[in-house]
C-alpha atoms as a PDB file:
ATOM      1  CA  MET A   1      18.741 -21.196  34.613  1.00  0.00           C
ATOM      2  CA  THR A   2      18.893 -17.754  36.234  1.00  0.00           C
ATOM      3  CA  ASP A   3      17.528 -14.701  34.458  1.00  0.00           C
ATOM      4  CA  GLU A   4      21.046 -13.304  33.998  1.00  0.00           C
ATOM      5  CA  LYS A   5      22.290 -16.529  32.451  1.00  0.00           C
ATOM      6  CA  LEU A   6      19.204 -16.744  30.248  1.00  0.00           C
ATOM      7  CA  LYS A   7      19.750 -13.175  29.041  1.00  0.00           C
ATOM      8  CA  SER A   8      23.354 -14.008  28.211  1.00  0.00           C
ATOM      9  CA  ALA A   9      22.293 -17.128  26.337  1.00  0.00           C
ATOM     10  CA  ILE A  10      19.703 -15.217  24.315  1.00  0.00           C
ATOM     11  CA  GLU A  11      22.264 -12.524  23.546  1.00  0.00           C
ATOM     12  CA  ALA A  12      24.828 -15.087  22.391  1.00  0.00           C
ATOM     13  CA  ILE A  13      22.383 -16.968  20.160  1.00  0.00           C
ATOM     14  CA  LEU A  14      20.969 -13.832  18.511  1.00  0.00           C
ATOM     15  CA  PHE A  15      24.468 -12.448  17.953  1.00  0.00           C
ATOM     16  CA  ALA A  16      25.633 -15.712  16.369  1.00  0.00           C
ATOM     17  CA  SER A  17      22.523 -15.910  14.189  1.00  0.00           C
ATOM     18  CA  GLY A  18      22.607 -12.408  12.725  1.00  0.00           C
ATOM     19  CA  GLU A  19      19.023 -13.007  11.577  1.00  0.00           C
ATOM     20  CA  PRO A  20      15.604 -12.809  13.268  1.00  0.00           C
ATOM     21  CA  LEU A  21      14.894 -15.938  15.309  1.00  0.00           C
ATOM     22  CA  PRO A  22      11.489 -17.130  16.545  1.00  0.00           C
ATOM     23  CA  ALA A  23      11.097 -16.972  20.303  1.00  0.00           C
ATOM     24  CA  ALA A  24       9.700 -20.510  20.056  1.00  0.00           C
ATOM     25  CA  ARG A  25      13.033 -21.743  18.675  1.00  0.00           C
ATOM     26  CA  LEU A  26      14.944 -20.054  21.488  1.00  0.00           C
ATOM     27  CA  SER A  27      12.506 -21.558  23.972  1.00  0.00           C
ATOM     28  CA  LEU A  28      13.120 -25.043  22.572  1.00  0.00           C
ATOM     29  CA  ALA A  29      16.897 -24.615  22.433  1.00  0.00           C
ATOM     30  CA  LEU A  30      17.181 -23.270  25.981  1.00  0.00           C
ATOM     31  CA  GLY A  31      14.502 -25.422  27.583  1.00  0.00           C
ATOM     32  CA  VAL A  32      12.480 -22.548  29.026  1.00  0.00           C
ATOM     33  CA  ALA A  33       8.991 -21.187  28.438  1.00  0.00           C
ATOM     34  CA  GLU A  34       8.418 -18.653  25.662  1.00  0.00           C
ATOM     35  CA  GLU A  35       7.170 -16.084  28.164  1.00  0.00           C
ATOM     36  CA  ASP A  36      10.551 -16.311  29.918  1.00  0.00           C
ATOM     37  CA  ILE A  37      12.294 -15.694  26.580  1.00  0.00           C
ATOM     38  CA  TYR A  38      10.174 -12.589  25.955  1.00  0.00           C
ATOM     39  CA  SER A  39      10.630 -11.342  29.515  1.00  0.00           C
ATOM     40  CA  CYS A  40      14.432 -11.603  29.380  1.00  0.00           C
ATOM     41  CA  ALA A  41      14.527 -10.184  25.851  1.00  0.00           C
ATOM     42  CA  ASP A  42      12.536  -7.155  27.008  1.00  0.00           C
ATOM     43  CA  ALA A  43      14.923  -6.691  29.916  1.00  0.00           C
ATOM     44  CA  LEU A  44      17.922  -6.906  27.578  1.00  0.00           C
ATOM     45  CA  ALA A  45      16.376  -4.407  25.173  1.00  0.00           C
ATOM     46  CA  GLU A  46      15.814  -1.958  28.027  1.00  0.00           C
ATOM     47  CA  GLU A  47      19.398  -2.394  29.251  1.00  0.00           C
ATOM     48  CA  TYR A  48      20.846  -1.737  25.803  1.00  0.00           C
ATOM     49  CA  GLU A  49      18.817   1.419  25.326  1.00  0.00           C
ATOM     50  CA  SER A  50      19.090   2.878  28.825  1.00  0.00           C
ATOM     51  CA  ASN A  51      22.866   2.341  28.892  1.00  0.00           C
ATOM     52  CA  GLY A  52      23.369   3.887  25.463  1.00  0.00           C
ATOM     53  CA  ARG A  53      24.795   0.645  24.054  1.00  0.00           C
ATOM     54  CA  GLY A  54      25.734   0.294  20.404  1.00  0.00           C
ATOM     55  CA  ILE A  55      23.316  -2.554  19.836  1.00  0.00           C
ATOM     56  CA  ARG A  56      19.567  -2.948  20.116  1.00  0.00           C
ATOM     57  CA  LEU A  57      17.331  -5.978  20.570  1.00  0.00           C
ATOM     58  CA  LEU A  58      14.260  -5.816  18.360  1.00  0.00           C
ATOM     59  CA  ARG A  59      11.036  -7.755  18.797  1.00  0.00           C
ATOM     60  CA  LEU A  60       9.531  -8.380  15.365  1.00  0.00           C
ATOM     61  CA  GLY A  61       6.215 -10.098  15.879  1.00  0.00           C
ATOM     62  CA  ALA A  62       7.169 -13.521  17.259  1.00  0.00           C
ATOM     63  CA  ASN A  63      10.837 -13.059  16.303  1.00  0.00           C
ATOM     64  CA  LEU A  64      13.815 -11.484  18.055  1.00  0.00           C
ATOM     65  CA  GLN A  65      16.905  -9.911  16.469  1.00  0.00           C
ATOM     66  CA  LEU A  66      20.011  -7.977  17.451  1.00  0.00           C
ATOM     67  CA  CYS A  67      20.965  -4.958  15.342  1.00  0.00           C
ATOM     68  CA  SER A  68      23.183  -1.900  15.629  1.00  0.00           C
ATOM     69  CA  SER A  69      21.890   1.290  17.226  1.00  0.00           C
ATOM     70  CA  PRO A  70      20.472   3.908  14.810  1.00  0.00           C
ATOM     71  CA  GLU A  71      22.586   6.465  16.663  1.00  0.00           C
ATOM     72  CA  PHE A  72      25.731   4.991  15.124  1.00  0.00           C
ATOM     73  CA  ALA A  73      24.353   4.312  11.642  1.00  0.00           C
ATOM     74  CA  LYS A  74      26.750   6.698   9.867  1.00  0.00           C
ATOM     75  CA  GLU A  75      29.785   5.377  11.711  1.00  0.00           C
ATOM     76  CA  ALA A  76      28.799   1.794  10.994  1.00  0.00           C
ATOM     77  CA  ALA A  77      28.260   2.583   7.316  1.00  0.00           C
ATOM     78  CA  ARG A  78      31.698   4.198   7.073  1.00  0.00           C
ATOM     79  CA  ALA A  79      33.388   1.307   8.855  1.00  0.00           C
ATOM     80  CA  ILE A  80      31.932  -1.338   6.577  1.00  0.00           C
ATOM     81  CA  GLU A  81      32.291   0.887   3.512  1.00  0.00           C
ATOM     82  CA  HIS A  82      28.625   0.971   2.614  1.00  0.00           C
ATOM     83  CA  ARG A  83      26.870   4.034   1.263  1.00  0.00           C
ATOM     84  CA  ALA A  84      23.818   5.056   3.255  1.00  0.00           C
ATOM     85  CA  PRO A  85      21.029   4.333   0.779  1.00  0.00           C
ATOM     86  CA  PRO A  86      18.258   6.905   0.245  1.00  0.00           C
ATOM     87  CA  ARG A  87      14.720   6.633   1.476  1.00  0.00           C
ATOM     88  CA  LEU A  88      11.948   4.687  -0.146  1.00  0.00           C
ATOM     89  CA  SER A  89      10.484   6.434  -3.144  1.00  0.00           C
ATOM     90  CA  GLN A  90       7.086   8.112  -3.019  1.00  0.00           C
ATOM     91  CA  SER A  91       5.470   5.394  -5.124  1.00  0.00           C
ATOM     92  CA  ALA A  92       7.012   2.679  -2.961  1.00  0.00           C
ATOM     93  CA  LEU A  93       5.680   4.251   0.236  1.00  0.00           C
ATOM     94  CA  GLU A  94       2.204   4.490  -1.259  1.00  0.00           C
ATOM     95  CA  ALA A  95       2.145   0.819  -2.265  1.00  0.00           C
ATOM     96  CA  LEU A  96       3.705  -0.279   1.021  1.00  0.00           C
ATOM     97  CA  ALA A  97       1.155   1.699   3.028  1.00  0.00           C
ATOM     98  CA  ILE A  98      -1.742   0.108   1.158  1.00  0.00           C
ATOM     99  CA  ILE A  99      -0.367  -3.395   1.672  1.00  0.00           C
ATOM    100  CA  ALA A 100       0.431  -2.754   5.341  1.00  0.00           C
ATOM    101  CA  TYR A 101      -3.062  -1.533   6.207  1.00  0.00           C
ATOM    102  CA  PHE A 102      -5.193  -3.783   4.007  1.00  0.00           C
ATOM    103  CA  GLN A 103      -3.138  -6.991   3.799  1.00  0.00           C
ATOM    104  CA  PRO A 104      -3.310  -9.492   2.359  1.00  0.00           C
ATOM    105  CA  VAL A 105      -4.027  -7.737  -0.931  1.00  0.00           C
ATOM    106  CA  THR A 106      -3.372  -8.301  -4.620  1.00  0.00           C
ATOM    107  CA  ARG A 107      -1.351  -6.076  -6.925  1.00  0.00           C
ATOM    108  CA  ALA A 108      -4.617  -5.188  -8.656  1.00  0.00           C
ATOM    109  CA  TYR A 109      -5.988  -3.839  -5.363  1.00  0.00           C
ATOM    110  CA  VAL A 110      -2.896  -1.691  -4.880  1.00  0.00           C
ATOM    111  CA  GLU A 111      -3.355  -0.337  -8.394  1.00  0.00           C
ATOM    112  CA  GLN A 112      -7.058   0.318  -7.771  1.00  0.00           C
ATOM    113  CA  VAL A 113      -6.307   2.440  -4.699  1.00  0.00           C
ATOM    114  CA  ARG A 114      -3.319   4.243  -6.237  1.00  0.00           C
ATOM    115  CA  GLY A 115      -4.883   4.710  -9.641  1.00  0.00           C
ATOM    116  CA  VAL A 116      -1.682   3.766 -11.523  1.00  0.00           C
ATOM    117  CA  ASP A 117       0.083   0.631 -12.728  1.00  0.00           C
ATOM    118  CA  SER A 118       2.093  -0.699  -9.774  1.00  0.00           C
ATOM    119  CA  SER A 119       3.684  -3.842 -11.221  1.00  0.00           C
ATOM    120  CA  TYR A 120       7.239  -2.577 -10.884  1.00  0.00           C
ATOM    121  CA  THR A 121       6.758  -1.124  -7.408  1.00  0.00           C
ATOM    122  CA  VAL A 122       5.160  -4.265  -5.962  1.00  0.00           C
ATOM    123  CA  SER A 123       7.864  -6.407  -7.547  1.00  0.00           C
ATOM    124  CA  SER A 124      10.587  -4.161  -6.119  1.00  0.00           C
ATOM    125  CA  LEU A 125       9.082  -4.230  -2.630  1.00  0.00           C
ATOM    126  CA  ALA A 126       9.080  -8.027  -2.820  1.00  0.00           C
ATOM    127  CA  ASP A 127      12.702  -8.052  -4.046  1.00  0.00           C
ATOM    128  CA  LYS A 128      13.680  -5.872  -1.081  1.00  0.00           C
ATOM    129  CA  GLY A 129      12.003  -8.303   1.310  1.00  0.00           C
ATOM    130  CA  LEU A 130       9.457  -5.792   2.626  1.00  0.00           C
ATOM    131  CA  ILE A 131       6.493  -7.781   1.316  1.00  0.00           C
ATOM    132  CA  ALA A 132       6.015 -11.469   0.499  1.00  0.00           C
ATOM    133  CA  PRO A 133       3.412 -13.702  -1.177  1.00  0.00           C
ATOM    134  CA  ALA A 134       0.663 -14.853   1.188  1.00  0.00           C
ATOM    135  CA  GLY A 135      -1.299 -17.304  -0.927  1.00  0.00           C
ATOM    136  CA  ARG A 136      -3.674 -16.647  -3.793  1.00  0.00           C
ATOM    137  CA  LEU A 137      -7.090 -15.012  -4.028  1.00  0.00           C
ATOM    138  CA  GLU A 138      -9.935 -17.371  -4.865  1.00  0.00           C
ATOM    139  CA  ALA A 139     -10.941 -15.457  -7.969  1.00  0.00           C
ATOM    140  CA  PRO A 140     -10.467 -15.842 -11.736  1.00  0.00           C
ATOM    141  CA  GLY A 141      -6.759 -16.109 -12.470  1.00  0.00           C
ATOM    142  CA  ARG A 142      -6.039 -16.705  -8.749  1.00  0.00           C
ATOM    143  CA  PRO A 143      -3.858 -13.587  -8.334  1.00  0.00           C
ATOM    144  CA  THR A 144      -1.114 -13.539  -5.695  1.00  0.00           C
ATOM    145  CA  LEU A 145      -1.893 -11.980  -2.316  1.00  0.00           C
ATOM    146  CA  TYR A 146       0.842  -9.967  -0.582  1.00  0.00           C
ATOM    147  CA  ARG A 147       1.571  -9.225   3.072  1.00  0.00           C
ATOM    148  CA  THR A 148       4.298  -7.293   4.883  1.00  0.00           C
ATOM    149  CA  THR A 149       7.301  -9.099   6.400  1.00  0.00           C
ATOM    150  CA  ASP A 150       9.452  -8.903   9.516  1.00  0.00           C
ATOM    151  CA  ALA A 151      11.834  -6.736   7.482  1.00  0.00           C
ATOM    152  CA  PHE A 152       9.003  -4.211   7.112  1.00  0.00           C
ATOM    153  CA  LEU A 153       8.512  -4.141  10.889  1.00  0.00           C
ATOM    154  CA  ARG A 154      12.257  -3.700  11.425  1.00  0.00           C
ATOM    155  CA  VAL A 155      12.609  -0.867   8.932  1.00  0.00           C
ATOM    156  CA  MET A 156       9.539   0.879  10.327  1.00  0.00           C
ATOM    157  CA  GLY A 157      10.786   0.495  13.892  1.00  0.00           C
ATOM    158  CA  VAL A 158       7.729  -1.334  15.246  1.00  0.00           C
ATOM    159  CA  SER A 159       7.260  -4.751  16.845  1.00  0.00           C
ATOM    160  CA  SER A 160       3.859  -5.497  15.347  1.00  0.00           C
ATOM    161  CA  LEU A 161       1.307  -4.099  12.909  1.00  0.00           C
ATOM    162  CA  ASP A 162      -0.749  -2.955  15.905  1.00  0.00           C
ATOM    163  CA  GLU A 163       1.805  -0.173  16.426  1.00  0.00           C
ATOM    164  CA  LEU A 164       1.141   1.424  13.050  1.00  0.00           C
ATOM    165  CA  PRO A 165      -0.616   4.818  13.145  1.00  0.00           C
ATOM    166  CA  PRO A 166      -4.436   4.681  12.939  1.00  0.00           C
ATOM    167  CA  LEU A 167      -5.808   4.100   9.454  1.00  0.00           C
ATOM    168  CA  PRO A 168      -6.732   7.466   7.871  1.00  0.00           C
ATOM    169  CA  ASP A 169     -10.136   8.116   6.317  1.00  0.00           C
ATOM    170  CA  MET A 170      -9.559   6.828   2.791  1.00  0.00           C
ATOM    171  CA  SER A 171     -12.849   8.340   1.578  1.00  0.00           C
ATOM    172  CA  ALA A 172     -11.458  11.850   2.044  1.00  0.00           C
ATOM    173  CA  THR A 173      -9.920  13.627  -0.921  1.00  0.00           C
ATOM    174  CA  ASP A 174      -6.515  13.615   0.770  1.00  0.00           C
ATOM    175  CA  GLY A 175      -6.860  10.030   2.040  1.00  0.00           C
ATOM    176  CA  MET A 176      -3.966   8.711  -0.043  1.00  0.00           C
ATOM    177  CA  ASP A 177      -1.649  11.483   1.149  1.00  0.00           C
ATOM    178  CA  LYS A 178      -2.548  10.808   4.775  1.00  0.00           C
ATOM    179  CA  LEU A 179      -2.039   7.083   4.288  1.00  0.00           C
ATOM    180  CA  ARG A 180       1.421   7.660   2.836  1.00  0.00           C
ATOM    181  CA  GLU A 181       2.290  10.098   5.652  1.00  0.00           C
ATOM    182  CA  ALA A 182       1.173   7.563   8.262  1.00  0.00           C
ATOM    183  CA  ILE A 183       3.826   5.131   7.049  1.00  0.00           C
ATOM    184  CA  ASP A 184       6.446   7.783   6.282  1.00  0.00           C
ATOM    185  CA  GLU A 185       6.355   9.162   9.841  1.00  0.00           C
ATOM    186  CA  LEU A 186       7.626   5.844  11.145  1.00  0.00           C
ATOM    187  CA  LYS A 187      10.745   5.949   8.987  1.00  0.00           C
ATOM    188  CA  GLY A 188      13.909   6.438  10.962  1.00  0.00           C
ATOM    189  CA  ARG A 189      12.541   4.903  14.162  1.00  0.00           C
ATOM    190  CA  GLY A 190      13.864   1.489  13.203  1.00  0.00           C
ATOM    191  CA  GLU A 191      17.399   0.344  12.578  1.00  0.00           C
ATOM    192  CA  GLN A 192      19.650   2.273  10.216  1.00  0.00           C
ATOM    193  CA  LEU A 193      18.488   0.456   7.091  1.00  0.00           C
ATOM    194  CA  GLU A 194      17.147   2.911   4.537  1.00  0.00           C
ATOM    195  CA  LEU A 195      15.924   1.023   1.507  1.00  0.00           C
ATOM    196  CA  GLN A 196      15.854   2.475  -1.984  1.00  0.00           C
ATOM    197  CA  MET A 197      13.651   1.295  -4.778  1.00  0.00           C
ATOM    198  CA  ASP A 198      15.584   0.701  -7.935  1.00  0.00           C
ATOM    199  CA  ALA A 199      15.507   3.646 -10.348  1.00  0.00           C
ATOM    200  CA  GLY A 200      13.090   3.481 -13.256  1.00  0.00           C
ATOM    201  CA  GLY A 201      10.025   1.295 -13.663  1.00  0.00           C
ATOM    202  CA  ASP A 202       6.406   1.763 -14.542  1.00  0.00           C
ATOM    203  CA  ASP A 203       5.554   4.412 -11.946  1.00  0.00           C
ATOM    204  CA  ALA A 204       8.871   5.448 -10.412  1.00  0.00           C
END
């Protein structure tokens, strides 16, 4: 299969899926090596962006996904009659930052760093698909551990956790503010999704 045909096949499969797909699954379906999938996906992504296309190809860890260009977010929202949702709340960003940098962590750890009850916020982040259970801590009560998801990478506009800003000095008096800013500065670089935590809750 030529590179051009492989790119077309990847494009067709990702478009039909509408969801992130593992490169390994594409490799199996198309009978080519995973490195060839990544190489053609990177070439497609560059073509979309350099030609000002209305779609983008995102690499989310080991997964690939097609999405609309952030440049046309407002137009897309109007066309499909969706309101553009507001940004994540302050409390949500704090909890998400802690989980992103220290994962896997328990809700109790998030609360320890933030200094406030975070039950509602952690639950809401899980409901929005930005975090997910990642097993249980071997400790009394075996509390749930949480990690970030591919949806987190997509919303933050990064392909892997390695692309997050450097971890701030948490021992400093403004460590929490810097941690929150580190995550907040990535907002808007991803696709047009802007997630809102539900109003109300224990620390909203």
